Amino acid sequence: MPLLVQGEDKQEFVKDVPLCRSDCENWFEACADATTCTTNWRAAHDDPNFSCIGDNKNCQTFKKKFGTAETFCRE
């Protein structure tokens, strides 16, 4: 069930919104070669010590970080 929650930065965001499988798979394919430094963007956004800039060894392409669209969609 989708929830409207408030993050540590006092901004509201929607959590647990269902996403159609085809939309999620298209998102993964569109971003497969883009880089990401985390599998949890909201937690990273709330962490003042997190940085995706520079020599961050956690940064990988979506394809390397998640492996498949199925894994990406579950995360």
C-alpha atoms as a PDB file:
ATOM      1  CA  MET A   1       0.000   0.000   0.000  1.00  0.00           C
ATOM      2  CA  PRO A   2       1.528   3.366  -1.013  1.00  0.00           C
ATOM      3  CA  LEU A   3       2.375   5.699   1.832  1.00  0.00           C
ATOM      4  CA  LEU A   4       3.111   9.407   2.013  1.00  0.00           C
ATOM      5  CA  VAL A   5       6.024   9.736   4.431  1.00  0.00           C
ATOM      6  CA  GLN A   6       8.307  12.502   5.617  1.00  0.00           C
ATOM      7  CA  GLY A   7      12.069  12.107   5.262  1.00  0.00           C
ATOM      8  CA  GLU A   8      14.692  13.358   7.687  1.00  0.00           C
ATOM      9  CA  ASP A   9      14.963  16.490   5.550  1.00  0.00           C
ATOM     10  CA  LYS A  10      11.248  17.139   6.242  1.00  0.00           C
ATOM     11  CA  GLN A  11      10.373  16.637   2.575  1.00  0.00           C
ATOM     12  CA  GLU A  12       7.482  14.330   1.836  1.00  0.00           C
ATOM     13  CA  PHE A  13       7.782  11.472  -0.615  1.00  0.00           C
ATOM     14  CA  VAL A  14       5.681   8.526  -1.691  1.00  0.00           C
ATOM     15  CA  LYS A  15       6.864   5.071  -0.668  1.00  0.00           C
ATOM     16  CA  ASP A  16       5.870   1.608  -1.912  1.00  0.00           C
ATOM     17  CA  VAL A  17       4.082   2.813  -5.041  1.00  0.00           C
ATOM     18  CA  PRO A  18       3.478  -0.079  -7.408  1.00  0.00           C
ATOM     19  CA  LEU A  19       5.221   0.216 -10.748  1.00  0.00           C
ATOM     20  CA  CYS A  20       4.182  -1.744 -13.808  1.00  0.00           C
ATOM     21  CA  ARG A  21       6.741  -4.394 -14.712  1.00  0.00           C
ATOM     22  CA  SER A  22       7.106  -3.056 -18.249  1.00  0.00           C
ATOM     23  CA  ASP A  23       7.775   0.482 -16.935  1.00  0.00           C
ATOM     24  CA  CYS A  24      10.393  -0.808 -14.519  1.00  0.00           C
ATOM     25  CA  GLU A  25      12.076  -2.934 -17.193  1.00  0.00           C
ATOM     26  CA  ASN A  26      12.130   0.056 -19.570  1.00  0.00           C
ATOM     27  CA  TRP A  27      13.642   2.217 -16.810  1.00  0.00           C
ATOM     28  CA  PHE A  28      16.384  -0.364 -16.203  1.00  0.00           C
ATOM     29  CA  GLU A  29      17.166  -0.695 -19.918  1.00  0.00           C
ATOM     30  CA  ALA A  30      17.230   3.094 -20.395  1.00  0.00           C
ATOM     31  CA  CYS A  31      19.691   3.476 -17.496  1.00  0.00           C
ATOM     32  CA  ALA A  32      21.685   0.235 -17.932  1.00  0.00           C
ATOM     33  CA  ASP A  33      24.909   2.078 -18.804  1.00  0.00           C
ATOM     34  CA  ALA A  34      24.377   5.048 -16.453  1.00  0.00           C
ATOM     35  CA  THR A  35      26.145   4.978 -13.095  1.00  0.00           C
ATOM     36  CA  THR A  36      24.634   4.723  -9.648  1.00  0.00           C
ATOM     37  CA  CYS A  37      26.373   4.563  -6.285  1.00  0.00           C
ATOM     38  CA  THR A  38      23.645   2.911  -4.254  1.00  0.00           C
ATOM     39  CA  THR A  39      20.666   0.608  -4.462  1.00  0.00           C
ATOM     40  CA  ASN A  40      18.709   2.805  -2.035  1.00  0.00           C
ATOM     41  CA  TRP A  41      18.589   6.370  -3.333  1.00  0.00           C
ATOM     42  CA  ARG A  42      16.338   7.690  -0.571  1.00  0.00           C
ATOM     43  CA  ALA A  43      18.659   6.466   2.202  1.00  0.00           C
ATOM     44  CA  ALA A  44      21.661   7.886   0.347  1.00  0.00           C
ATOM     45  CA  HIS A  45      19.866  11.219  -0.046  1.00  0.00           C
ATOM     46  CA  ASP A  46      19.224  11.367   3.717  1.00  0.00           C
ATOM     47  CA  ASP A  47      22.849  10.509   4.615  1.00  0.00           C
ATOM     48  CA  PRO A  48      24.905  13.734   4.842  1.00  0.00           C
ATOM     49  CA  ASN A  49      28.143  11.717   4.525  1.00  0.00           C
ATOM     50  CA  PHE A  50      27.146   9.986   1.290  1.00  0.00           C
ATOM     51  CA  SER A  51      28.753  11.213  -1.905  1.00  0.00           C
ATOM     52  CA  CYS A  52      28.528   9.884  -5.420  1.00  0.00           C
ATOM     53  CA  ILE A  53      31.110  12.389  -6.636  1.00  0.00           C
ATOM     54  CA  GLY A  54      34.741  11.629  -7.327  1.00  0.00           C
ATOM     55  CA  ASP A  55      36.439   8.316  -6.694  1.00  0.00           C
ATOM     56  CA  ASN A  56      33.526   6.472  -5.098  1.00  0.00           C
ATOM     57  CA  LYS A  57      34.225   2.755  -5.435  1.00  0.00           C
ATOM     58  CA  ASN A  58      30.514   2.020  -4.962  1.00  0.00           C
ATOM     59  CA  CYS A  59      29.647   3.679  -8.279  1.00  0.00           C
ATOM     60  CA  GLN A  60      28.831   1.164 -10.990  1.00  0.00           C
ATOM     61  CA  THR A  61      26.570   0.985 -14.001  1.00  0.00           C
ATOM     62  CA  PHE A  62      23.000  -0.057 -13.332  1.00  0.00           C
ATOM     63  CA  LYS A  63      23.779  -3.278 -15.187  1.00  0.00           C
ATOM     64  CA  LYS A  64      26.691  -4.100 -12.849  1.00  0.00           C
ATOM     65  CA  LYS A  65      24.973  -2.878  -9.666  1.00  0.00           C
ATOM     66  CA  PHE A  66      21.669  -4.709 -10.209  1.00  0.00           C
ATOM     67  CA  GLY A  67      22.487  -7.353 -12.813  1.00  0.00           C
ATOM     68  CA  THR A  68      18.983  -7.686 -14.223  1.00  0.00           C
ATOM     69  CA  ALA A  69      15.807  -5.664 -14.580  1.00  0.00           C
ATOM     70  CA  GLU A  70      14.119  -8.117 -12.206  1.00  0.00           C
ATOM     71  CA  THR A  71      16.628  -7.368  -9.428  1.00  0.00           C
ATOM     72  CA  PHE A  72      16.418  -3.629 -10.107  1.00  0.00           C
ATOM     73  CA  CYS A  73      12.624  -3.733  -9.890  1.00  0.00           C
ATOM     74  CA  ARG A  74      12.698  -5.621  -6.572  1.00  0.00           C
ATOM     75  CA  GLU A  75      15.153  -3.174  -4.985  1.00  0.00           C
END
